[in-house]
């Protein structure tokens, strides 16, 4: 089994963040370590590119609570879906 694509890594990271919302704040290093444990062929650079992709397309945002964490964007109370 070869290394996953950046898109596949980003999707897995997104799922990790979504699953941890309200339970645990994940740092970028936490996501990278989890992906590298699952896929030994994936390097740190690929993880950084996947995180950047999540940030650039607005699927995740950085939040700062005594450190920087990755979260899903919050919906505003008055936002209409």
PDB file of N, CA and C in Angstrom:
ATOM      1  N   UNK A   1       0.859  -1.185   0.000  1.00  0.00           N
ATOM      2  CA  UNK A   1       0.000   0.000   0.000  1.00  0.00           C
ATOM      3  C   UNK A   1       0.899   1.241   0.000  1.00  0.00           C
ATOM      4  N   UNK A   2       0.743   2.074  -0.986  1.00  0.00           N
ATOM      5  CA  UNK A   2       1.555   3.280  -1.101  1.00  0.00           C
ATOM      6  C   UNK A   2       1.005   4.412  -0.251  1.00  0.00           C
ATOM      7  N   UNK A   3       1.674   5.524  -0.340  1.00  0.00           N
ATOM      8  CA  UNK A   3       1.254   6.704   0.418  1.00  0.00           C
ATOM      9  C   UNK A   3      -0.025   7.286  -0.193  1.00  0.00           C
ATOM     10  N   UNK A   4      -0.935   7.764   0.644  1.00  0.00           N
ATOM     11  CA  UNK A   4      -2.151   8.403   0.141  1.00  0.00           C
ATOM     12  C   UNK A   4      -1.835   9.768  -0.470  1.00  0.00           C
ATOM     13  N   UNK A   5      -2.765  10.284  -1.260  1.00  0.00           N
ATOM     14  CA  UNK A   5      -2.593  11.609  -1.852  1.00  0.00           C
ATOM     15  C   UNK A   5      -2.821  12.687  -0.793  1.00  0.00           C
ATOM     16  N   UNK A   6      -2.427  13.908  -1.120  1.00  0.00           N
ATOM     17  CA  UNK A   6      -2.644  15.041  -0.200  1.00  0.00           C
ATOM     18  C   UNK A   6      -4.143  15.198   0.073  1.00  0.00           C
ATOM     19  N   UNK A   7      -4.968  15.025  -0.961  1.00  0.00           N
ATOM     20  CA  UNK A   7      -6.424  15.132  -0.784  1.00  0.00           C
ATOM     21  C   UNK A   7      -6.942  14.084   0.205  1.00  0.00           C
ATOM     22  N   UNK A   8      -6.430  12.858   0.111  1.00  0.00           N
ATOM     23  CA  UNK A   8      -6.864  11.788   1.013  1.00  0.00           C
ATOM     24  C   UNK A   8      -6.406  12.071   2.443  1.00  0.00           C
ATOM     25  N   UNK A   9      -5.189  12.580   2.594  1.00  0.00           N
ATOM     26  CA  UNK A   9      -4.685  12.928   3.920  1.00  0.00           C
ATOM     27  C   UNK A   9      -5.547  14.045   4.517  1.00  0.00           C
ATOM     28  N   UNK A  10      -5.846  15.056   3.708  1.00  0.00           N
ATOM     29  CA  UNK A  10      -6.670  16.184   4.175  1.00  0.00           C
ATOM     30  C   UNK A  10      -8.042  15.688   4.622  1.00  0.00           C
ATOM     31  N   UNK A  11      -8.635  14.776   3.871  1.00  0.00           N
ATOM     32  CA  UNK A  11      -9.959  14.248   4.221  1.00  0.00           C
ATOM     33  C   UNK A  11      -9.907  13.496   5.552  1.00  0.00           C
ATOM     34  N   UNK A  12      -8.869  12.703   5.762  1.00  0.00           N
ATOM     35  CA  UNK A  12      -8.734  11.978   7.030  1.00  0.00           C
ATOM     36  C   UNK A  12      -8.529  12.939   8.194  1.00  0.00           C
ATOM     37  N   UNK A  13      -7.718  13.975   7.974  1.00  0.00           N
ATOM     38  CA  UNK A  13      -7.506  14.980   9.016  1.00  0.00           C
ATOM     39  C   UNK A  13      -8.809  15.700   9.340  1.00  0.00           C
ATOM     40  N   UNK A  14      -9.583  16.028   8.315  1.00  0.00           N
ATOM     41  CA  UNK A  14     -10.865  16.694   8.522  1.00  0.00           C
ATOM     42  C   UNK A  14     -11.773  15.820   9.405  1.00  0.00           C
ATOM     43  N   UNK A  15     -11.796  14.517   9.117  1.00  0.00           N
ATOM     44  CA  UNK A  15     -12.633  13.596   9.900  1.00  0.00           C
ATOM     45  C   UNK A  15     -12.170  13.541  11.353  1.00  0.00           C
ATOM     46  N   UNK A  16     -10.848  13.551  11.562  1.00  0.00           N
ATOM     47  CA  UNK A  16     -10.318  13.538  12.936  1.00  0.00           C
ATOM     48  C   UNK A  16     -10.764  14.786  13.690  1.00  0.00           C
ATOM     49  N   UNK A  17     -10.675  15.943  13.032  1.00  0.00           N
ATOM     50  CA  UNK A  17     -11.078  17.204  13.674  1.00  0.00           C
ATOM     51  C   UNK A  17     -12.576  17.181  13.961  1.00  0.00           C
ATOM     52  N   UNK A  18     -13.363  16.724  12.985  1.00  0.00           N
ATOM     53  CA  UNK A  18     -14.822  16.673  13.162  1.00  0.00           C
ATOM     54  C   UNK A  18     -15.192  15.735  14.310  1.00  0.00           C
ATOM     55  N   UNK A  19     -14.536  14.589  14.390  1.00  0.00           N
ATOM     56  CA  UNK A  19     -14.835  13.615  15.442  1.00  0.00           C
ATOM     57  C   UNK A  19     -14.429  14.108  16.829  1.00  0.00           C
ATOM     58  N   UNK A  20     -13.424  14.973  16.904  1.00  0.00           N
ATOM     59  CA  UNK A  20     -12.930  15.428  18.208  1.00  0.00           C
ATOM     60  C   UNK A  20     -13.602  16.715  18.685  1.00  0.00           C
ATOM     61  N   UNK A  21     -14.412  17.348  17.843  1.00  0.00           N
ATOM     62  CA  UNK A  21     -15.040  18.618  18.225  1.00  0.00           C
ATOM     63  C   UNK A  21     -15.831  18.450  19.520  1.00  0.00           C
ATOM     64  N   UNK A  22     -15.591  19.354  20.459  1.00  0.00           N
ATOM     65  CA  UNK A  22     -16.295  19.324  21.734  1.00  0.00           C
ATOM     66  C   UNK A  22     -15.676  18.364  22.736  1.00  0.00           C
ATOM     67  N   UNK A  23     -14.721  17.540  22.297  1.00  0.00           N
ATOM     68  CA  UNK A  23     -14.086  16.581  23.198  1.00  0.00           C
ATOM     69  C   UNK A  23     -12.636  16.954  23.459  1.00  0.00           C
ATOM     70  N   UNK A  24     -11.906  17.229  22.396  1.00  0.00           N
ATOM     71  CA  UNK A  24     -10.480  17.494  22.516  1.00  0.00           C
ATOM     72  C   UNK A  24     -10.060  18.455  21.424  1.00  0.00           C
ATOM     73  N   UNK A  25      -9.185  19.391  21.780  1.00  0.00           N
ATOM     74  CA  UNK A  25      -8.615  20.292  20.784  1.00  0.00           C
ATOM     75  C   UNK A  25      -7.372  19.634  20.194  1.00  0.00           C
ATOM     76  N   UNK A  26      -7.317  19.531  18.873  1.00  0.00           N
ATOM     77  CA  UNK A  26      -6.175  18.912  18.204  1.00  0.00           C
ATOM     78  C   UNK A  26      -5.243  19.965  17.642  1.00  0.00           C
ATOM     79  N   UNK A  27      -3.962  19.760  17.859  1.00  0.00           N
ATOM     80  CA  UNK A  27      -2.948  20.628  17.266  1.00  0.00           C
ATOM     81  C   UNK A  27      -2.531  20.020  15.936  1.00  0.00           C
ATOM     82  N   UNK A  28      -1.884  20.811  15.100  1.00  0.00           N
ATOM     83  CA  UNK A  28      -1.434  20.295  13.809  1.00  0.00           C
ATOM     84  C   UNK A  28      -0.484  19.114  14.005  1.00  0.00           C
ATOM     85  N   UNK A  29       0.349  19.157  15.037  1.00  0.00           N
ATOM     86  CA  UNK A  29       1.260  18.051  15.319  1.00  0.00           C
ATOM     87  C   UNK A  29       0.526  16.763  15.666  1.00  0.00           C
ATOM     88  N   UNK A  30      -0.606  16.892  16.371  1.00  0.00           N
ATOM     89  CA  UNK A  30      -1.410  15.707  16.710  1.00  0.00           C
ATOM     90  C   UNK A  30      -1.929  15.041  15.445  1.00  0.00           C
ATOM     91  N   UNK A  31      -2.417  15.855  14.517  1.00  0.00           N
ATOM     92  CA  UNK A  31      -2.930  15.316  13.256  1.00  0.00           C
ATOM     93  C   UNK A  31      -1.820  14.659  12.453  1.00  0.00           C
ATOM     94  N   UNK A  32      -0.680  15.341  12.370  1.00  0.00           N
ATOM     95  CA  UNK A  32       0.453  14.797  11.609  1.00  0.00           C
ATOM     96  C   UNK A  32       0.914  13.464  12.185  1.00  0.00           C
ATOM     97  N   UNK A  33       1.033  13.386  13.514  1.00  0.00           N
ATOM     98  CA  UNK A  33       1.484  12.143  14.142  1.00  0.00           C
ATOM     99  C   UNK A  33       0.504  11.005  13.888  1.00  0.00           C
ATOM    100  N   UNK A  34      -0.787  11.290  13.964  1.00  0.00           N
ATOM    101  CA  UNK A  34      -1.793  10.248  13.737  1.00  0.00           C
ATOM    102  C   UNK A  34      -1.729   9.728  12.300  1.00  0.00           C
ATOM    103  N   UNK A  35      -1.567  10.638  11.345  1.00  0.00           N
ATOM    104  CA  UNK A  35      -1.482  10.233   9.942  1.00  0.00           C
ATOM    105  C   UNK A  35      -0.199   9.442   9.701  1.00  0.00           C
ATOM    106  N   UNK A  36       0.921   9.908  10.259  1.00  0.00           N
ATOM    107  CA  UNK A  36       2.198   9.220  10.050  1.00  0.00           C
ATOM    108  C   UNK A  36       2.215   7.845  10.707  1.00  0.00           C
ATOM    109  N   UNK A  37       1.462   7.692  11.787  1.00  0.00           N
ATOM    110  CA  UNK A  37       1.369   6.381  12.437  1.00  0.00           C
ATOM    111  C   UNK A  37       0.577   5.419  11.552  1.00  0.00           C
ATOM    112  N   UNK A  38      -0.489   5.934  10.930  1.00  0.00           N
ATOM    113  CA  UNK A  38      -1.331   5.098  10.067  1.00  0.00           C
ATOM    114  C   UNK A  38      -0.648   4.811   8.729  1.00  0.00           C
ATOM    115  N   UNK A  39       0.050   5.816   8.190  1.00  0.00           N
ATOM    116  CA  UNK A  39       0.723   5.692   6.895  1.00  0.00           C
ATOM    117  C   UNK A  39       2.210   6.036   7.062  1.00  0.00           C
ATOM    118  N   UNK A  40       3.059   5.053   7.311  1.00  0.00           N
ATOM    119  CA  UNK A  40       4.489   5.334   7.519  1.00  0.00           C
ATOM    120  C   UNK A  40       5.166   6.019   6.323  1.00  0.00           C
ATOM    121  N   UNK A  41       4.603   5.894   5.118  1.00  0.00           N
ATOM    122  CA  UNK A  41       5.191   6.510   3.924  1.00  0.00           C
ATOM    123  C   UNK A  41       4.965   8.022   3.861  1.00  0.00           C
ATOM    124  N   UNK A  42       4.048   8.538   4.685  1.00  0.00           N
ATOM    125  CA  UNK A  42       3.710   9.960   4.650  1.00  0.00           C
ATOM    126  C   UNK A  42       4.729  10.740   5.478  1.00  0.00           C
ATOM    127  N   UNK A  43       5.266  11.806   4.892  1.00  0.00           N
ATOM    128  CA  UNK A  43       6.226  12.628   5.632  1.00  0.00           C
ATOM    129  C   UNK A  43       5.549  13.898   6.160  1.00  0.00           C
ATOM    130  N   UNK A  44       6.286  14.634   6.965  1.00  0.00           N
ATOM    131  CA  UNK A  44       5.775  15.850   7.609  1.00  0.00           C
ATOM    132  C   UNK A  44       5.336  16.893   6.583  1.00  0.00           C
ATOM    133  N   UNK A  45       6.078  16.976   5.479  1.00  0.00           N
ATOM    134  CA  UNK A  45       5.746  17.956   4.447  1.00  0.00           C
ATOM    135  C   UNK A  45       4.367  17.679   3.847  1.00  0.00           C
ATOM    136  N   UNK A  46       4.056  16.409   3.605  1.00  0.00           N
ATOM    137  CA  UNK A  46       2.742  16.057   3.061  1.00  0.00           C
ATOM    138  C   UNK A  46       1.635  16.433   4.043  1.00  0.00           C
ATOM    139  N   UNK A  47       1.894  16.220   5.328  1.00  0.00           N
ATOM    140  CA  UNK A  47       0.911  16.574   6.349  1.00  0.00           C
ATOM    141  C   UNK A  47       0.678  18.083   6.375  1.00  0.00           C
ATOM    142  N   UNK A  48       1.770  18.859   6.269  1.00  0.00           N
ATOM    143  CA  UNK A  48       1.641  20.320   6.253  1.00  0.00           C
ATOM    144  C   UNK A  48       0.831  20.783   5.046  1.00  0.00           C
ATOM    145  N   UNK A  49       1.074  20.158   3.897  1.00  0.00           N
ATOM    146  CA  UNK A  49       0.324  20.524   2.688  1.00  0.00           C
ATOM    147  C   UNK A  49      -1.159  20.198   2.854  1.00  0.00           C
ATOM    148  N   UNK A  50      -1.463  19.076   3.481  1.00  0.00           N
ATOM    149  CA  UNK A  50      -2.862  18.699   3.701  1.00  0.00           C
ATOM    150  C   UNK A  50      -3.546  19.691   4.647  1.00  0.00           C
ATOM    151  N   UNK A  51      -2.848  20.098   5.709  1.00  0.00           N
ATOM    152  CA  UNK A  51      -3.411  21.079   6.646  1.00  0.00           C
ATOM    153  C   UNK A  51      -3.620  22.415   5.935  1.00  0.00           C
ATOM    154  N   UNK A  52      -2.645  22.825   5.135  1.00  0.00           N
ATOM    155  CA  UNK A  52      -2.788  24.080   4.394  1.00  0.00           C
ATOM    156  C   UNK A  52      -4.007  24.010   3.464  1.00  0.00           C
ATOM    157  N   UNK A  53      -4.216  22.870   2.822  1.00  0.00           N
ATOM    158  CA  UNK A  53      -5.369  22.707   1.936  1.00  0.00           C
ATOM    159  C   UNK A  53      -6.676  22.874   2.727  1.00  0.00           C
ATOM    160  N   UNK A  54      -6.748  22.283   3.916  1.00  0.00           N
ATOM    161  CA  UNK A  54      -7.953  22.418   4.744  1.00  0.00           C
ATOM    162  C   UNK A  54      -8.199  23.873   5.139  1.00  0.00           C
ATOM    163  N   UNK A  55      -7.133  24.596   5.434  1.00  0.00           N
ATOM    164  CA  UNK A  55      -7.257  26.011   5.824  1.00  0.00           C
ATOM    165  C   UNK A  55      -7.646  26.874   4.619  1.00  0.00           C
ATOM    166  N   UNK A  56      -6.967  26.644   3.490  1.00  0.00           N
ATOM    167  CA  UNK A  56      -7.197  27.471   2.304  1.00  0.00           C
ATOM    168  C   UNK A  56      -8.616  27.352   1.758  1.00  0.00           C
ATOM    169  N   UNK A  57      -9.193  26.144   1.842  1.00  0.00           N
ATOM    170  CA  UNK A  57     -10.551  26.016   1.306  1.00  0.00           C
ATOM    171  C   UNK A  57     -11.625  26.195   2.383  1.00  0.00           C
ATOM    172  N   UNK A  58     -11.204  26.612   3.591  1.00  0.00           N
ATOM    173  CA  UNK A  58     -12.170  26.992   4.623  1.00  0.00           C
ATOM    174  C   UNK A  58     -12.815  25.843   5.360  1.00  0.00           C
ATOM    175  N   UNK A  59     -12.332  24.625   5.173  1.00  0.00           N
ATOM    176  CA  UNK A  59     -12.933  23.487   5.868  1.00  0.00           C
ATOM    177  C   UNK A  59     -12.527  23.446   7.338  1.00  0.00           C
ATOM    178  N   UNK A  60     -11.358  24.004   7.652  1.00  0.00           N
ATOM    179  CA  UNK A  60     -10.876  24.086   9.038  1.00  0.00           C
ATOM    180  C   UNK A  60     -10.297  25.478   9.275  1.00  0.00           C
ATOM    181  N   UNK A  61     -10.215  25.836  10.549  1.00  0.00           N
ATOM    182  CA  UNK A  61      -9.630  27.121  10.935  1.00  0.00           C
ATOM    183  C   UNK A  61      -8.721  26.904  12.132  1.00  0.00           C
ATOM    184  N   UNK A  62      -7.787  27.842  12.329  1.00  0.00           N
ATOM    185  CA  UNK A  62      -6.967  27.821  13.534  1.00  0.00           C
ATOM    186  C   UNK A  62      -7.710  28.564  14.634  1.00  0.00           C
ATOM    187  N   UNK A  63      -7.668  28.009  15.842  1.00  0.00           N
ATOM    188  CA  UNK A  63      -8.216  28.669  17.025  1.00  0.00           C
ATOM    189  C   UNK A  63      -7.089  28.759  18.041  1.00  0.00           C
ATOM    190  N   UNK A  64      -7.072  29.820  18.833  1.00  0.00           N
ATOM    191  CA  UNK A  64      -5.997  30.041  19.797  1.00  0.00           C
ATOM    192  C   UNK A  64      -6.548  30.043  21.212  1.00  0.00           C
ATOM    193  N   UNK A  65      -6.184  29.034  21.986  1.00  0.00           N
ATOM    194  CA  UNK A  65      -6.528  28.942  23.403  1.00  0.00           C
ATOM    195  C   UNK A  65      -5.277  28.507  24.146  1.00  0.00           C
ATOM    196  N   UNK A  66      -4.346  29.419  24.354  1.00  0.00           N
ATOM    197  CA  UNK A  66      -3.094  29.060  24.998  1.00  0.00           C
ATOM    198  C   UNK A  66      -2.194  28.237  24.085  1.00  0.00           C
ATOM    199  N   UNK A  67      -2.538  28.143  22.856  1.00  0.00           N
ATOM    200  CA  UNK A  67      -1.812  27.399  21.826  1.00  0.00           C
ATOM    201  C   UNK A  67      -2.698  27.380  20.599  1.00  0.00           C
ATOM    202  N   UNK A  68      -2.166  26.990  19.469  1.00  0.00           N
ATOM    203  CA  UNK A  68      -3.006  26.988  18.271  1.00  0.00           C
ATOM    204  C   UNK A  68      -3.557  25.589  18.014  1.00  0.00           C
ATOM    205  N   UNK A  69      -4.835  25.536  17.799  1.00  0.00           N
ATOM    206  CA  UNK A  69      -5.547  24.293  17.554  1.00  0.00           C
ATOM    207  C   UNK A  69      -6.284  24.385  16.228  1.00  0.00           C
ATOM    208  N   UNK A  70      -6.566  23.230  15.663  1.00  0.00           N
ATOM    209  CA  UNK A  70      -7.313  23.187  14.410  1.00  0.00           C
ATOM    210  C   UNK A  70      -8.740  22.767  14.732  1.00  0.00           C
ATOM    211  N   UNK A  71      -9.692  23.549  14.229  1.00  0.00           N
ATOM    212  CA  UNK A  71     -11.107  23.274  14.474  1.00  0.00           C
ATOM    213  C   UNK A  71     -11.900  23.474  13.191  1.00  0.00           C
ATOM    214  N   UNK A  72     -13.144  23.005  13.232  1.00  0.00           N
ATOM    215  CA  UNK A  72     -14.070  23.311  12.148  1.00  0.00           C
ATOM    216  C   UNK A  72     -14.515  24.750  12.335  1.00  0.00           C
ATOM    217  N   UNK A  73     -14.806  25.459  11.241  1.00  0.00           N
ATOM    218  CA  UNK A  73     -15.262  26.849  11.398  1.00  0.00           C
ATOM    219  C   UNK A  73     -16.582  26.890  12.164  1.00  0.00           C
ATOM    220  N   UNK A  74     -16.715  27.869  13.038  1.00  0.00           N
ATOM    221  CA  UNK A  74     -17.947  28.024  13.813  1.00  0.00           C
ATOM    222  C   UNK A  74     -18.991  28.732  12.965  1.00  0.00           C
ATOM    223  N   UNK A  75     -20.218  28.297  13.099  1.00  0.00           N
ATOM    224  CA  UNK A  75     -21.325  28.978  12.425  1.00  0.00           C
ATOM    225  C   UNK A  75     -21.770  30.112  13.337  1.00  0.00           C
ATOM    226  N   UNK A  76     -22.001  31.262  12.755  1.00  0.00           N
ATOM    227  CA  UNK A  76     -22.499  32.398  13.530  1.00  0.00           C
ATOM    228  C   UNK A  76     -23.951  32.117  13.920  1.00  0.00           C
ATOM    229  N   UNK A  77     -24.364  32.627  15.062  1.00  0.00           N
ATOM    230  CA  UNK A  77     -25.706  32.398  15.543  1.00  0.00           C
ATOM    231  C   UNK A  77     -26.775  32.886  14.590  1.00  0.00           C
ATOM    232  N   UNK A  78     -26.514  33.971  13.872  1.00  0.00           N
ATOM    233  CA  UNK A  78     -27.504  34.544  12.962  1.00  0.00           C
ATOM    234  C   UNK A  78     -27.340  34.031  11.523  1.00  0.00           C
ATOM    235  N   UNK A  79     -26.408  33.132  11.297  1.00  0.00           N
ATOM    236  CA  UNK A  79     -26.163  32.653   9.924  1.00  0.00           C
ATOM    237  C   UNK A  79     -27.324  31.786   9.454  1.00  0.00           C
ATOM    238  N   UNK A  80     -27.721  32.004   8.247  1.00  0.00           N
ATOM    239  CA  UNK A  80     -28.767  31.187   7.635  1.00  0.00           C
ATOM    240  C   UNK A  80     -28.137  30.142   6.735  1.00  0.00           C
ATOM    241  N   UNK A  81     -28.525  28.892   6.925  1.00  0.00           N
ATOM    242  CA  UNK A  81     -27.978  27.822   6.081  1.00  0.00           C
ATOM    243  C   UNK A  81     -28.870  27.560   4.890  1.00  0.00           C
TER     244      UNK A  81
END
